[in-house]
Protein backbone atom coordinates (compact mmCIF):
# COMPACT_ATOMS: atom_id res chain seq x y z
CA MET A 1 -158.98 -109.56 115.54
CA ALA A 2 -160.80 -107.76 118.73
CA THR A 3 -164.47 -107.18 119.04
CA PRO A 4 -165.54 -104.38 118.81
CA ALA A 5 -166.54 -104.75 122.96
CA GLN A 6 -162.86 -105.32 123.13
CA ALA A 7 -161.12 -102.76 121.43
CA PHE A 8 -163.10 -100.15 124.10
CA PHE A 9 -161.74 -102.24 126.38
CA ALA A 10 -157.84 -101.81 126.10
CA LYS A 11 -158.81 -98.43 124.57
CA THR A 12 -161.09 -97.54 127.88
CA LEU A 13 -158.44 -98.47 130.22
CA LEU A 14 -155.76 -97.10 128.40
CA ARG A 15 -157.82 -93.58 128.51
CA TRP A 16 -158.00 -94.05 132.54
CA TYR A 17 -154.16 -95.54 132.57
CA GLU A 18 -152.88 -92.31 131.00
CA GLN A 19 -154.57 -89.58 133.83
CA HIS A 20 -154.70 -91.75 137.12
CA LYS A 21 -150.94 -94.18 136.69
CA ARG A 22 -148.50 -94.30 139.62
CA SER A 23 -145.16 -92.62 139.16
CA LEU A 24 -143.15 -96.59 139.98
CA PRO A 25 -139.37 -96.67 138.75
CA TRP A 26 -140.01 -99.69 136.96
CA ARG A 27 -142.03 -97.71 134.58
CA ASP A 28 -139.65 -95.75 133.51
CA THR A 29 -137.26 -98.62 131.94
CA THR A 30 -137.11 -101.10 129.73
CA ASN A 31 -133.96 -102.94 131.11
CA PRO A 32 -135.46 -106.54 131.91
CA TYR A 33 -133.44 -106.93 135.12
CA TYR A 34 -135.24 -104.18 136.64
CA ILE A 35 -138.58 -105.12 135.69
CA TRP A 36 -137.92 -108.54 137.00
CA LEU A 37 -136.58 -107.71 140.33
CA SER A 38 -139.89 -105.67 140.59
CA GLU A 39 -142.03 -107.89 139.79
CA VAL A 40 -140.53 -111.07 141.79
CA ILE A 41 -140.60 -107.99 144.67
CA LEU A 42 -144.19 -107.30 144.25
CA GLN A 43 -145.34 -110.81 144.44
CA GLN A 44 -148.07 -110.99 147.22
CA THR A 45 -146.62 -107.90 148.14
CA ARG A 46 -148.42 -104.12 147.81
CA VAL A 47 -146.41 -101.92 146.14
CA ALA A 48 -145.74 -99.43 149.16
CA GLN A 49 -144.58 -102.15 150.97
CA GLY A 50 -141.95 -103.32 147.79
CA LEU A 51 -140.88 -100.14 146.51
CA PRO A 52 -138.29 -99.60 149.69
CA TYR A 53 -137.09 -102.78 148.91
CA TYR A 54 -136.70 -102.46 145.73
CA HIS A 55 -135.03 -99.44 145.94
CA LYS A 56 -132.41 -101.41 148.52
CA PHE A 57 -131.85 -104.31 145.67
CA VAL A 58 -130.69 -101.52 143.19
CA ALA A 59 -128.90 -100.00 144.83
CA ALA A 60 -127.34 -103.12 146.03
CA TYR A 61 -127.01 -105.26 143.17
CA PRO A 62 -127.22 -102.74 139.62
CA THR A 63 -126.54 -105.12 137.49
CA VAL A 64 -127.92 -109.34 137.01
CA GLN A 65 -124.20 -110.11 137.35
CA GLU A 66 -123.95 -108.33 140.77
CA LEU A 67 -126.94 -109.79 142.31
CA ALA A 68 -125.78 -113.53 141.26
CA ALA A 69 -122.07 -112.71 142.29
CA ALA A 70 -123.73 -111.82 145.95
CA PRO A 71 -123.21 -114.35 149.34
CA GLU A 72 -127.46 -116.49 149.75
CA ASP A 73 -127.34 -114.76 153.41
CA GLU A 74 -126.81 -111.46 152.54
CA VAL A 75 -129.72 -111.65 149.67
CA LEU A 76 -132.00 -112.91 152.15
CA ARG A 77 -130.82 -110.47 154.99
CA LEU A 78 -131.36 -107.42 152.55
CA TRP A 79 -135.01 -109.63 151.73
CA GLN A 80 -135.68 -109.75 155.50
CA GLY A 81 -139.28 -108.27 156.41
CA LEU A 82 -140.71 -109.01 152.70
CA GLY A 83 -141.53 -112.60 153.64
CA TYR A 84 -142.16 -115.84 151.51
CA TYR A 85 -138.41 -115.78 151.22
CA SER A 86 -138.28 -118.72 148.81
CA ARG A 87 -138.65 -115.80 145.84
CA ALA A 88 -135.47 -114.57 147.18
CA ARG A 89 -133.18 -117.76 147.21
CA ASN A 90 -134.98 -118.41 143.80
CA MET A 91 -134.63 -114.05 142.60
CA HIS A 92 -130.79 -115.60 143.32
CA HIS A 93 -130.44 -119.08 141.49
CA THR A 94 -131.77 -117.25 138.40
CA ALA A 95 -129.68 -114.27 138.03
CA ILE A 96 -126.87 -116.95 138.49
CA ILE A 97 -128.40 -118.98 135.51
CA VAL A 98 -128.57 -115.67 133.77
CA THR A 99 -125.07 -114.48 134.51
CA ASP A 100 -123.31 -117.85 134.03
CA GLU A 101 -125.19 -119.59 131.29
CA LEU A 102 -126.50 -116.61 129.39
CA ASN A 103 -123.73 -114.12 129.32
CA GLY A 104 -125.67 -111.54 132.03
CA GLN A 105 -128.65 -110.82 129.16
CA PHE A 106 -132.00 -112.37 129.76
CA PRO A 107 -133.87 -113.67 126.97
CA ASN A 108 -136.33 -111.58 125.02
CA ASN A 109 -139.13 -113.73 124.04
CA TYR A 110 -141.90 -115.51 126.66
CA GLU A 111 -140.82 -118.87 125.70
CA ALA A 112 -137.60 -118.64 126.10
CA LEU A 113 -137.90 -117.08 129.27
CA LEU A 114 -140.49 -119.22 130.79
CA LYS A 115 -137.43 -121.97 129.84
CA LEU A 116 -135.49 -119.76 132.67
CA LYS A 117 -136.03 -121.85 136.22
CA GLY A 118 -137.78 -119.70 139.06
CA ILE A 119 -139.16 -117.32 136.38
CA GLY A 120 -143.16 -118.50 136.15
CA SER A 121 -145.81 -118.08 133.29
CA TYR A 122 -146.63 -114.46 135.27
CA THR A 123 -142.89 -112.94 135.28
CA ALA A 124 -142.17 -114.51 132.08
CA ALA A 125 -144.82 -112.48 130.38
CA ALA A 126 -144.58 -109.18 132.25
CA ILE A 127 -140.85 -109.12 131.81
CA ALA A 128 -141.77 -110.01 127.97
CA ALA A 129 -144.57 -107.35 127.91
CA PHE A 130 -142.57 -104.40 129.50
CA ALA A 131 -138.91 -105.16 128.44
CA PHE A 132 -139.46 -106.57 125.05
CA LYS A 133 -143.42 -105.11 123.68
CA GLU A 134 -144.36 -108.61 122.87
CA GLN A 135 -147.97 -108.97 122.64
CA VAL A 136 -148.68 -111.68 125.60
CA ALA A 137 -151.42 -110.85 128.39
CA VAL A 138 -150.09 -110.83 132.51
CA LEU A 139 -152.06 -112.08 134.38
CA ASP A 140 -152.18 -111.27 138.13
CA GLY A 141 -155.14 -111.03 141.27
CA ASN A 142 -156.00 -107.33 139.75
CA VAL A 143 -156.02 -108.97 136.13
CA PHE A 144 -157.77 -111.48 137.41
CA ARG A 145 -160.56 -109.22 138.98
CA VAL A 146 -160.81 -107.13 136.46
CA LEU A 147 -161.87 -109.50 133.80
CA SER A 148 -164.01 -111.67 136.13
CA ARG A 149 -166.34 -108.64 136.72
CA VAL A 150 -166.43 -106.83 133.38
CA PHE A 151 -166.72 -110.08 131.69
CA GLY A 152 -168.91 -112.16 134.07
CA ILE A 153 -166.49 -114.91 134.47
CA SER A 154 -167.96 -117.54 137.40
CA ASP A 155 -164.45 -119.87 137.03
CA ASP A 156 -162.42 -120.49 140.26
CA ILE A 157 -159.66 -118.45 139.79
CA VAL A 158 -157.94 -120.81 142.35
CA VAL A 159 -158.38 -123.46 139.86
CA PRO A 160 -155.57 -124.10 137.75
CA ALA A 161 -158.36 -125.48 134.72
CA SER A 162 -159.40 -121.27 135.32
CA ARG A 163 -156.53 -119.71 134.13
CA LYS A 164 -156.58 -120.97 130.36
CA VAL A 165 -160.42 -119.67 130.26
CA PHE A 166 -158.56 -116.00 131.53
CA GLN A 167 -155.64 -116.66 129.52
CA LYS A 168 -157.76 -116.99 126.49
CA LEU A 169 -159.44 -114.04 126.90
CA ALA A 170 -156.72 -111.59 128.30
CA ASP A 171 -154.67 -112.43 125.55
CA GLY A 172 -157.11 -111.16 122.92
CA LEU A 173 -158.02 -108.17 124.83
CA VAL A 174 -154.28 -107.02 124.67
CA PRO A 175 -152.86 -104.30 121.47
CA ALA A 176 -150.51 -105.26 119.16
CA ASP A 177 -149.29 -101.36 119.40
CA ALA A 178 -149.32 -100.99 123.68
CA PRO A 179 -148.69 -104.23 125.15
CA ASP A 180 -146.58 -102.62 127.69
CA THR A 181 -148.81 -99.71 128.73
CA TYR A 182 -151.88 -102.08 128.35
CA ASN A 183 -150.72 -104.41 131.18
CA GLN A 184 -149.57 -102.04 133.20
CA ALA A 185 -153.01 -100.21 132.94
CA ILE A 186 -154.79 -103.63 133.41
CA MET A 187 -153.14 -103.91 136.42
CA GLU A 188 -153.05 -100.42 137.83
CA PHE A 189 -156.76 -100.20 137.49
CA GLY A 190 -157.45 -103.14 139.27
CA ALA A 191 -155.10 -102.53 142.03
CA ILE A 192 -156.60 -98.56 142.57
CA GLN A 193 -160.23 -98.42 140.85
CA CYS A 194 -161.11 -102.32 140.50
CA THR A 195 -160.32 -103.41 144.00
CA PRO A 196 -160.90 -106.03 145.60
CA VAL A 197 -163.65 -104.88 148.83
CA MET A 198 -164.20 -101.37 148.02
CA PRO A 199 -164.31 -100.74 144.04
CA ASP A 200 -164.68 -96.99 143.34
CA CYS A 201 -167.98 -97.75 140.71
CA LEU A 202 -169.55 -94.55 140.48
CA PHE A 203 -166.36 -93.19 138.37
CA CYS A 204 -165.23 -95.79 136.79
CA PRO A 205 -165.23 -95.39 133.17
CA LEU A 206 -166.28 -99.06 132.64
CA GLN A 207 -169.76 -99.22 134.71
CA GLN A 208 -171.76 -99.71 131.66
CA SER A 209 -170.17 -102.05 130.11
CA CYS A 210 -169.47 -104.38 133.12
CA PHE A 211 -171.07 -107.62 134.12
CA ALA A 212 -170.77 -107.52 138.08
CA PHE A 213 -171.89 -104.01 138.10
CA ASN A 214 -174.78 -104.67 136.22
CA ASN A 215 -175.68 -107.88 137.90
CA GLY A 216 -175.59 -106.65 141.32
CA MET A 217 -171.94 -109.05 141.25
CA VAL A 218 -169.30 -106.89 142.25
CA GLN A 219 -168.85 -108.59 145.51
CA GLU A 220 -169.39 -112.12 144.63
CA LEU A 221 -166.63 -112.02 141.59
CA PRO A 222 -163.82 -112.86 141.08
CA VAL A 223 -164.64 -116.40 142.61
CA LYS A 224 -161.97 -117.61 144.82
CA LYS A 225 -162.52 -120.57 146.65
CA LYS A 226 -161.42 -120.07 150.39
CA ALA A 227 -158.23 -121.06 151.54
CA LYS A 228 -157.74 -123.57 154.26
CA ALA A 229 -157.03 -121.96 158.01
CA ALA A 230 -153.64 -122.06 159.06
CA ARG A 231 -152.65 -124.75 161.25
CA PRO A 232 -150.96 -123.83 164.70
CA ARG A 233 -147.70 -124.41 165.52
CA TYR A 234 -146.20 -123.94 168.89
CA PHE A 235 -142.63 -122.92 168.96
CA HIS A 236 -139.94 -123.01 172.35
CA TYR A 237 -137.08 -121.08 171.75
CA ILE A 238 -134.22 -121.69 173.56
CA VAL A 239 -131.55 -118.49 173.48
CA LEU A 240 -128.49 -119.76 174.87
CA GLU A 241 -126.08 -116.73 175.70
CA HIS A 242 -122.32 -116.80 176.46
CA GLU A 243 -120.28 -113.71 177.31
CA GLY A 244 -122.95 -111.56 175.27
CA ALA A 245 -122.87 -113.83 172.40
CA PHE A 246 -125.42 -116.02 171.42
CA TYR A 247 -126.45 -119.00 169.84
CA LEU A 248 -127.99 -119.58 166.53
CA ARG A 249 -128.47 -121.78 163.83
CA LYS A 250 -129.25 -121.75 160.13
CA ARG A 251 -133.09 -123.01 159.16
CA LEU A 252 -132.44 -126.27 156.50
CA GLU A 253 -134.78 -126.89 153.77
CA GLY A 254 -138.28 -129.32 154.15
CA ASP A 255 -139.70 -126.67 156.79
CA ILE A 256 -140.51 -122.24 156.72
CA TRP A 257 -137.89 -119.96 156.69
CA GLN A 258 -135.09 -121.66 154.81
CA GLY A 259 -131.93 -120.67 154.79
CA LEU A 260 -132.61 -117.91 158.05
CA TYR A 261 -131.07 -118.06 161.55
CA ASP A 262 -133.14 -118.44 164.86
CA PHE A 263 -132.33 -120.28 167.84
CA TYR A 264 -132.15 -123.64 168.84
CA LEU A 265 -135.61 -124.93 168.63
CA TYR A 266 -138.14 -127.22 170.77
CA GLU A 267 -141.38 -127.81 168.87
CA SER A 268 -144.26 -129.27 171.01
CA ALA A 269 -148.01 -129.63 169.97
CA ASN A 270 -149.90 -127.65 172.72
CA LYS A 271 -148.79 -123.61 173.95
CA ASN A 272 -148.01 -124.17 177.46
CA LEU A 273 -144.61 -127.08 178.07
CA PRO A 274 -143.75 -127.28 181.25
CA LEU A 275 -140.20 -126.42 182.25
CA GLU A 276 -139.29 -129.65 183.26
CA THR A 277 -139.76 -131.24 179.88
CA LEU A 278 -138.05 -128.41 178.33
CA VAL A 279 -135.00 -129.57 180.37
CA GLN A 280 -135.31 -133.02 179.40
CA GLU A 281 -134.92 -132.23 176.09
CA LEU A 282 -131.73 -130.02 176.21
CA GLN A 283 -130.58 -132.54 178.45
CA GLN A 284 -131.16 -135.30 176.01
CA ALA A 285 -128.96 -132.78 173.40
CA GLY A 286 -126.29 -132.38 175.77
CA LEU A 287 -127.01 -129.75 177.40
CA ASP A 288 -126.65 -129.71 181.15
CA VAL A 289 -129.43 -127.43 182.06
CA ASP A 290 -131.21 -127.01 185.38
CA LEU A 291 -134.72 -125.45 185.77
CA GLU A 292 -132.92 -122.42 187.73
CA HIS A 293 -130.55 -121.81 184.88
CA ILE A 294 -133.84 -121.05 182.96
CA GLN A 295 -135.17 -117.41 182.51
CA PRO A 296 -139.31 -117.71 181.43
CA PRO A 297 -140.67 -116.15 178.84
CA LEU A 298 -141.94 -112.83 179.45
CA LYS A 299 -144.94 -113.01 176.54
CA ASP A 300 -145.67 -115.17 173.78
CA TYR A 301 -144.96 -114.21 170.18
CA LYS A 302 -147.57 -114.67 167.30
CA HIS A 303 -146.59 -114.32 163.84
CA ILE A 304 -148.93 -115.83 160.81
CA LEU A 305 -147.48 -116.83 157.82
CA SER A 306 -150.05 -118.14 154.29
CA HIS A 307 -150.77 -121.50 155.52
CA GLN A 308 -149.49 -121.33 159.47
CA LYS A 309 -150.26 -119.65 163.10
CA ILE A 310 -147.28 -119.42 164.93
CA THR A 311 -147.21 -118.92 168.80
CA ALA A 312 -143.19 -118.55 170.10
CA ARG A 313 -141.85 -118.52 173.69
CA PHE A 314 -138.27 -117.59 174.25
CA TYR A 315 -136.43 -118.92 176.91
CA ARG A 316 -133.05 -117.33 178.15
CA ILE A 317 -130.34 -119.19 179.78
CA ARG A 318 -127.00 -117.47 180.74
CA LEU A 319 -124.01 -120.42 180.42
CA HIS A 320 -120.49 -120.19 182.34
CA SER A 321 -118.91 -121.34 179.38
CA ARG A 322 -118.86 -122.31 175.65
CA LEU A 323 -121.01 -125.11 174.63
CA LYS A 324 -118.43 -128.58 174.24
CA GLU A 325 -118.38 -129.33 170.40
CA GLU A 326 -120.26 -132.44 170.42
CA VAL A 327 -122.96 -129.98 171.25
CA LEU A 328 -122.91 -128.25 168.77
CA LYS A 329 -122.83 -130.79 166.46
CA GLU A 330 -126.00 -132.24 167.87
CA THR A 331 -127.57 -129.02 167.60
CA ARG A 332 -126.14 -127.47 164.93
CA VAL A 333 -125.98 -124.20 166.94
CA ALA A 334 -123.27 -121.65 166.37
CA LEU A 335 -121.84 -118.94 168.43
CA PHE A 336 -122.57 -115.31 167.10
CA ASP A 337 -121.89 -112.23 169.13
CA VAL A 338 -123.91 -108.97 168.23
CA GLU A 339 -122.99 -107.68 165.12
CA LYS A 340 -123.31 -109.88 163.31
CA ILE A 341 -126.19 -111.22 164.26
CA GLU A 342 -127.38 -108.20 163.21
CA ALA A 343 -125.85 -109.01 160.03
CA LEU A 344 -127.04 -112.51 159.39
CA PRO A 345 -130.81 -113.07 157.72
CA LYS A 346 -133.62 -113.14 160.51
CA PRO A 347 -137.34 -114.40 160.46
CA VAL A 348 -139.21 -111.20 161.70
CA LEU A 349 -140.46 -113.03 164.97
CA ILE A 350 -137.00 -113.53 165.90
CA ASN A 351 -136.16 -109.67 164.99
CA SER A 352 -139.18 -108.55 167.01
CA TYR A 353 -137.46 -110.64 170.21
CA LEU A 354 -133.88 -109.88 170.07
CA LYS A 355 -135.70 -105.66 169.55
CA GLU A 356 -137.74 -106.16 172.83
CA ALA A 357 -135.06 -107.87 174.81
CA LYS A 358 -132.71 -105.52 173.77
CA ILE A 359 -130.36 -107.93 172.44
CA LEU A 360 -130.01 -105.76 168.89
CA VAL A 361 -130.97 -102.54 170.43
CA TYR A 362 -130.76 -100.48 167.50
CA LEU A 363 -133.05 -102.48 164.96
């Protein structure tokens, strides 16, 4: 049974939510497929950025069966620009499992949902609460922040063991008669009221009972260990062109952007790379290229990921003939016309170059 303080907390959030909630499409449905789509898209993504992608995926794949039947390249292309592409691959894989093994039906409870590959504790709780009204707490960054500040929890939210502390408290706060609305309420409260940097404490309905506010610790909570500094990487892309078509290759497992397409790549330890070194690399791959054939890069392109800071340069080479079969095999590239390139899933970095180089002028 919830304590009076816990009951007050839940009732206060529900009243606040009724007055301040945003109108979002996934809140108007109990369809587990749509709820799952929204939760996957919104992981590590702001609502304003994720909303257009949600609409695109619902329009392209109205059912989980249609998502399962789609080619992976098509799914990745639709996801392009959202980042964290493993989410899209895992989402597609889960759709196939639900379609092939569960007759297109999502499990209707938290424990069964958790057994699905690609669905973690957060997503399982969200589907269970929002679609099936199960009394289970959703724990995302917003919820961690609200609970840490209001109840004065100083456990580092990055440490896995801390999750048990927060989960125990969170589970005890969920009202049995409104688990769906309550979970939406606390997530919304963290998103627009109890924000990370400038929370609206002056007009907060929980101000009097908030540990962080009453102890001057709003900026100190939640405790979150700083992430490691992003390591620099230096990419040198070889843009091979033949009669208006370009050679690209699909990236493999074991590195960033798996399943996306980019140009033939040489990675160096330093940003500056002598053209002579690049020529030697190309010759080793079977490409007979001289210095005068290379159009040097016009600028550096920068792209920051969660743990990597990429600086890329593009070297354009116009070929007089198609690459030989043995070179294609060695480099794993294939020739694509501009229309096909537009349809391929590509990293934002590659798209930026294609746009600025006026290769895909309609991007």
